[in-house]
Amino acid sequence: MSIPAPLMSRTMEVEKDWIDYNGHLNMAYYNVLFDRGADEAFEKLGMGPLYAEERKLTTYTAEIHVCYVRELHLGNRVNATFQLLDFDEKRFHVFQELHHVDGWLAATSEVLTLHVDMTGPKVAPFPDDVLANMKAMHAAHAALPKPERAGRSIGIKRKS
């Protein structure tokens, strides 16, 4: 399996129903765009739509941190990157960037995802084939620099 580093999604377009009363993309729909981009990466990892249906295994988001860098508007076209930062037998840590087709950064998303057995539901180890794909993607992404916004915490910084 050839794995780009980072993975890049197909081009997606901001839809009319996603625009809020401020005239720009509502914050919730940045997550929709990131999720759609991640779905393409999950397919490469062997966890596409049939994975849940046939194997009764899926993923749940445990934690997400989105940084809104620049506003998106109706009709803007974007791509989402996907960089696998780390993983273990039941979890994986991903960093994504949402770029306008003109190249500028619109938002970033850092996510910790759990692998789940739907019969529980309960957190469960990846099957061997998916774990092998995870290892291959992690190796391909290991040469990428750590994203500047990865690992940030949220809070109000006070002057002393």
C-alpha atoms as a PDB file:
ATOM      1  CA  MET A   1       0.000   0.000   0.000  1.00  0.00           C
ATOM      2  CA  SER A   2       1.444   3.363  -1.051  1.00  0.00           C
ATOM      3  CA  ILE A   3       0.823   5.939   1.660  1.00  0.00           C
ATOM      4  CA  PRO A   4       1.177   9.680   0.987  1.00  0.00           C
ATOM      5  CA  ALA A   5       2.606  11.720   3.835  1.00  0.00           C
ATOM      6  CA  PRO A   6       0.381  13.341   4.851  1.00  0.00           C
ATOM      7  CA  LEU A   7      -2.731  11.937   3.203  1.00  0.00           C
ATOM      8  CA  MET A   8      -4.754  14.541   1.280  1.00  0.00           C
ATOM      9  CA  SER A   9      -8.525  14.302   0.847  1.00  0.00           C
ATOM     10  CA  ARG A  10     -10.511  14.957  -2.268  1.00  0.00           C
ATOM     11  CA  THR A  11     -11.608  18.568  -2.744  1.00  0.00           C
ATOM     12  CA  MET A  12     -14.755  19.439  -0.768  1.00  0.00           C
ATOM     13  CA  GLU A  13     -16.987  22.513  -1.035  1.00  0.00           C
ATOM     14  CA  VAL A  14     -18.608  24.600   1.710  1.00  0.00           C
ATOM     15  CA  GLU A  15     -22.368  24.121   1.374  1.00  0.00           C
ATOM     16  CA  LYS A  16     -25.157  26.705   1.659  1.00  0.00           C
ATOM     17  CA  ASP A  17     -26.824  25.108   4.709  1.00  0.00           C
ATOM     18  CA  TRP A  18     -23.533  25.276   6.623  1.00  0.00           C
ATOM     19  CA  ILE A  19     -23.341  29.087   6.664  1.00  0.00           C
ATOM     20  CA  ASP A  20     -24.259  30.722   9.973  1.00  0.00           C
ATOM     21  CA  TYR A  21     -25.777  34.117  10.786  1.00  0.00           C
ATOM     22  CA  ASN A  22     -22.286  35.678  10.711  1.00  0.00           C
ATOM     23  CA  GLY A  23     -22.021  34.819   7.021  1.00  0.00           C
ATOM     24  CA  HIS A  24     -19.262  32.245   7.359  1.00  0.00           C
ATOM     25  CA  LEU A  25     -18.924  28.490   7.872  1.00  0.00           C
ATOM     26  CA  ASN A  26     -20.506  27.477  11.194  1.00  0.00           C
ATOM     27  CA  MET A  27     -17.959  25.944  13.565  1.00  0.00           C
ATOM     28  CA  ALA A  28     -19.705  22.537  13.580  1.00  0.00           C
ATOM     29  CA  TYR A  29     -19.179  22.088   9.859  1.00  0.00           C
ATOM     30  CA  TYR A  30     -15.416  22.410  10.101  1.00  0.00           C
ATOM     31  CA  ASN A  31     -15.725  19.090  11.950  1.00  0.00           C
ATOM     32  CA  VAL A  32     -17.864  17.699   9.117  1.00  0.00           C
ATOM     33  CA  LEU A  33     -15.119  18.569   6.638  1.00  0.00           C
ATOM     34  CA  PHE A  34     -12.431  17.060   8.873  1.00  0.00           C
ATOM     35  CA  ASP A  35     -14.571  13.952   9.360  1.00  0.00           C
ATOM     36  CA  ARG A  36     -15.093  13.495   5.632  1.00  0.00           C
ATOM     37  CA  GLY A  37     -11.353  13.803   5.081  1.00  0.00           C
ATOM     38  CA  ALA A  38     -10.692  11.291   7.858  1.00  0.00           C
ATOM     39  CA  ASP A  39     -13.163   8.860   6.285  1.00  0.00           C
ATOM     40  CA  GLU A  40     -10.905   8.700   3.230  1.00  0.00           C
ATOM     41  CA  ALA A  41      -7.909   7.910   5.458  1.00  0.00           C
ATOM     42  CA  PHE A  42      -9.904   5.315   7.396  1.00  0.00           C
ATOM     43  CA  GLU A  43     -10.613   3.567   4.094  1.00  0.00           C
ATOM     44  CA  LYS A  44      -6.849   3.292   3.494  1.00  0.00           C
ATOM     45  CA  LEU A  45      -6.446   1.859   6.990  1.00  0.00           C
ATOM     46  CA  GLY A  46      -9.059  -0.824   6.258  1.00  0.00           C
ATOM     47  CA  MET A  47     -11.753   0.789   8.415  1.00  0.00           C
ATOM     48  CA  GLY A  48     -14.118   2.087   5.736  1.00  0.00           C
ATOM     49  CA  PRO A  49     -17.926   1.836   5.706  1.00  0.00           C
ATOM     50  CA  LEU A  50     -18.012  -1.949   5.299  1.00  0.00           C
ATOM     51  CA  TYR A  51     -15.784  -2.380   8.350  1.00  0.00           C
ATOM     52  CA  ALA A  52     -18.608  -1.520  10.746  1.00  0.00           C
ATOM     53  CA  GLU A  53     -21.237  -3.388   8.765  1.00  0.00           C
ATOM     54  CA  GLU A  54     -19.329  -6.625   8.206  1.00  0.00           C
ATOM     55  CA  ARG A  55     -16.956  -6.824  11.171  1.00  0.00           C
ATOM     56  CA  LYS A  56     -19.008  -4.937  13.784  1.00  0.00           C
ATOM     57  CA  LEU A  57     -15.951  -2.805  14.560  1.00  0.00           C
ATOM     58  CA  THR A  58     -15.771   0.978  14.340  1.00  0.00           C
ATOM     59  CA  THR A  59     -14.166   4.080  15.830  1.00  0.00           C
ATOM     60  CA  TYR A  60     -15.378   6.648  18.356  1.00  0.00           C
ATOM     61  CA  THR A  61     -13.851  10.061  18.886  1.00  0.00           C
ATOM     62  CA  ALA A  62     -12.582  10.375  22.459  1.00  0.00           C
ATOM     63  CA  GLU A  63     -11.233  13.925  22.276  1.00  0.00           C
ATOM     64  CA  ILE A  64     -10.934  16.625  19.646  1.00  0.00           C
ATOM     65  CA  HIS A  65      -9.284  20.042  19.570  1.00  0.00           C
ATOM     66  CA  VAL A  66     -10.091  22.348  16.643  1.00  0.00           C
ATOM     67  CA  CYS A  67      -8.272  25.611  15.951  1.00  0.00           C
ATOM     68  CA  TYR A  68     -10.075  28.026  13.642  1.00  0.00           C
ATOM     69  CA  VAL A  69      -7.383  29.906  11.755  1.00  0.00           C
ATOM     70  CA  ARG A  70      -9.175  31.671   8.887  1.00  0.00           C
ATOM     71  CA  GLU A  71     -12.858  31.930   7.971  1.00  0.00           C
ATOM     72  CA  LEU A  72     -14.399  29.848   5.233  1.00  0.00           C
ATOM     73  CA  HIS A  73     -17.376  31.044   3.209  1.00  0.00           C
ATOM     74  CA  LEU A  74     -20.036  29.648   0.894  1.00  0.00           C
ATOM     75  CA  GLY A  75     -18.530  27.891  -2.098  1.00  0.00           C
ATOM     76  CA  ASN A  76     -14.977  27.800  -0.736  1.00  0.00           C
ATOM     77  CA  ARG A  77     -13.218  24.614  -1.798  1.00  0.00           C
ATOM     78  CA  VAL A  78     -10.921  22.829   0.648  1.00  0.00           C
ATOM     79  CA  ASN A  79      -8.829  19.718   1.197  1.00  0.00           C
ATOM     80  CA  ALA A  80      -8.136  18.002   4.507  1.00  0.00           C
ATOM     81  CA  THR A  81      -4.773  16.473   5.366  1.00  0.00           C
ATOM     82  CA  PHE A  82      -4.453  13.468   7.681  1.00  0.00           C
ATOM     83  CA  GLN A  83      -1.280  12.760   9.646  1.00  0.00           C
ATOM     84  CA  LEU A  84      -1.074   9.763  11.971  1.00  0.00           C
ATOM     85  CA  LEU A  85       0.974  10.956  14.955  1.00  0.00           C
ATOM     86  CA  ASP A  86       0.768   7.896  17.197  1.00  0.00           C
ATOM     87  CA  PHE A  87      -1.190   4.720  17.923  1.00  0.00           C
ATOM     88  CA  ASP A  88      -1.365   1.729  20.211  1.00  0.00           C
ATOM     89  CA  GLU A  89      -3.408  -1.474  20.089  1.00  0.00           C
ATOM     90  CA  LYS A  90      -6.742   0.319  20.739  1.00  0.00           C
ATOM     91  CA  ARG A  91      -6.283   4.046  19.995  1.00  0.00           C
ATOM     92  CA  PHE A  92      -4.818   6.445  17.487  1.00  0.00           C
ATOM     93  CA  HIS A  93      -3.819  10.114  17.546  1.00  0.00           C
ATOM     94  CA  VAL A  94      -4.271  12.168  14.372  1.00  0.00           C
ATOM     95  CA  PHE A  95      -3.584  15.709  13.259  1.00  0.00           C
ATOM     96  CA  GLN A  96      -5.475  17.250  10.342  1.00  0.00           C
ATOM     97  CA  GLU A  97      -5.272  20.541   8.510  1.00  0.00           C
ATOM     98  CA  LEU A  98      -7.996  22.093   6.384  1.00  0.00           C
ATOM     99  CA  HIS A  99      -6.534  24.054   3.466  1.00  0.00           C
ATOM    100  CA  HIS A 100      -8.351  26.271   0.998  1.00  0.00           C
ATOM    101  CA  VAL A 101      -7.557  25.190  -2.583  1.00  0.00           C
ATOM    102  CA  ASP A 102      -5.527  28.414  -2.897  1.00  0.00           C
ATOM    103  CA  GLY A 103      -3.197  26.977  -0.236  1.00  0.00           C
ATOM    104  CA  TRP A 104      -3.990  28.951   2.908  1.00  0.00           C
ATOM    105  CA  LEU A 105      -4.721  27.230   6.221  1.00  0.00           C
ATOM    106  CA  ALA A 106      -8.335  27.483   7.421  1.00  0.00           C
ATOM    107  CA  ALA A 107      -8.311  25.205  10.490  1.00  0.00           C
ATOM    108  CA  THR A 108      -6.554  22.375  12.297  1.00  0.00           C
ATOM    109  CA  SER A 109      -7.944  19.407  14.197  1.00  0.00           C
ATOM    110  CA  GLU A 110      -6.207  17.102  16.634  1.00  0.00           C
ATOM    111  CA  VAL A 111      -8.092  13.939  17.521  1.00  0.00           C
ATOM    112  CA  LEU A 112      -7.736  10.947  19.820  1.00  0.00           C
ATOM    113  CA  THR A 113      -9.845   8.085  18.461  1.00  0.00           C
ATOM    114  CA  LEU A 114     -10.832   4.797  20.080  1.00  0.00           C
ATOM    115  CA  HIS A 115     -11.282   1.488  18.271  1.00  0.00           C
ATOM    116  CA  VAL A 116     -14.614  -0.003  19.349  1.00  0.00           C
ATOM    117  CA  ASP A 117     -16.256  -3.424  19.212  1.00  0.00           C
ATOM    118  CA  MET A 118     -19.869  -2.540  18.456  1.00  0.00           C
ATOM    119  CA  THR A 119     -21.245  -5.640  20.201  1.00  0.00           C
ATOM    120  CA  GLY A 120     -20.338  -4.120  23.585  1.00  0.00           C
ATOM    121  CA  PRO A 121     -19.860  -1.400  22.743  1.00  0.00           C
ATOM    122  CA  LYS A 122     -16.397  -1.470  24.265  1.00  0.00           C
ATOM    123  CA  VAL A 123     -12.908  -0.341  23.360  1.00  0.00           C
ATOM    124  CA  ALA A 124     -11.135  -3.236  21.641  1.00  0.00           C
ATOM    125  CA  PRO A 125      -7.809  -4.029  19.960  1.00  0.00           C
ATOM    126  CA  PHE A 126      -7.405  -3.496  16.241  1.00  0.00           C
ATOM    127  CA  PRO A 127      -7.487  -6.686  14.158  1.00  0.00           C
ATOM    128  CA  ASP A 128      -4.093  -7.740  12.794  1.00  0.00           C
ATOM    129  CA  ASP A 129      -4.747  -6.465   9.251  1.00  0.00           C
ATOM    130  CA  VAL A 130      -5.783  -3.001  10.444  1.00  0.00           C
ATOM    131  CA  LEU A 131      -2.899  -2.884  12.917  1.00  0.00           C
ATOM    132  CA  ALA A 132      -0.490  -3.673  10.053  1.00  0.00           C
ATOM    133  CA  ASN A 133      -1.997  -0.814   8.023  1.00  0.00           C
ATOM    134  CA  MET A 134      -1.686   1.480  11.049  1.00  0.00           C
ATOM    135  CA  LYS A 135       2.001   0.547  11.386  1.00  0.00           C
ATOM    136  CA  ALA A 136       2.614   1.196   7.682  1.00  0.00           C
ATOM    137  CA  MET A 137       0.902   4.592   7.788  1.00  0.00           C
ATOM    138  CA  HIS A 138       2.725   5.565  10.966  1.00  0.00           C
ATOM    139  CA  ALA A 139       6.057   4.645   9.348  1.00  0.00           C
ATOM    140  CA  ALA A 140       5.199   6.717   6.259  1.00  0.00           C
ATOM    141  CA  HIS A 141       4.196   9.695   8.427  1.00  0.00           C
ATOM    142  CA  ALA A 142       7.117   9.392  10.881  1.00  0.00           C
ATOM    143  CA  ALA A 143       9.354  11.550   8.669  1.00  0.00           C
ATOM    144  CA  LEU A 144       6.880  14.453   8.780  1.00  0.00           C
ATOM    145  CA  PRO A 145       7.620  17.185  11.311  1.00  0.00           C
ATOM    146  CA  LYS A 146       5.393  17.385  14.361  1.00  0.00           C
ATOM    147  CA  PRO A 147       2.673  19.919  13.521  1.00  0.00           C
ATOM    148  CA  GLU A 148       3.168  23.250  15.269  1.00  0.00           C
ATOM    149  CA  ARG A 149      -0.369  23.224  16.706  1.00  0.00           C
ATOM    150  CA  ALA A 150      -0.275  19.590  17.902  1.00  0.00           C
ATOM    151  CA  GLY A 151      -0.430  19.061  21.649  1.00  0.00           C
ATOM    152  CA  ARG A 152      -1.811  22.483  22.465  1.00  0.00           C
ATOM    153  CA  SER A 153      -3.878  22.971  25.557  1.00  0.00           C
ATOM    154  CA  ILE A 154      -6.739  25.374  26.000  1.00  0.00           C
ATOM    155  CA  GLY A 155      -6.941  28.050  28.667  1.00  0.00           C
ATOM    156  CA  ILE A 156      -6.699  31.762  29.387  1.00  0.00           C
ATOM    157  CA  LYS A 157      -3.120  32.934  29.724  1.00  0.00           C
ATOM    158  CA  ARG A 158      -2.790  35.554  32.458  1.00  0.00           C
ATOM    159  CA  LYS A 159      -0.082  38.169  32.666  1.00  0.00           C
ATOM    160  CA  SER A 160       1.747  38.008  35.971  1.00  0.00           C
END
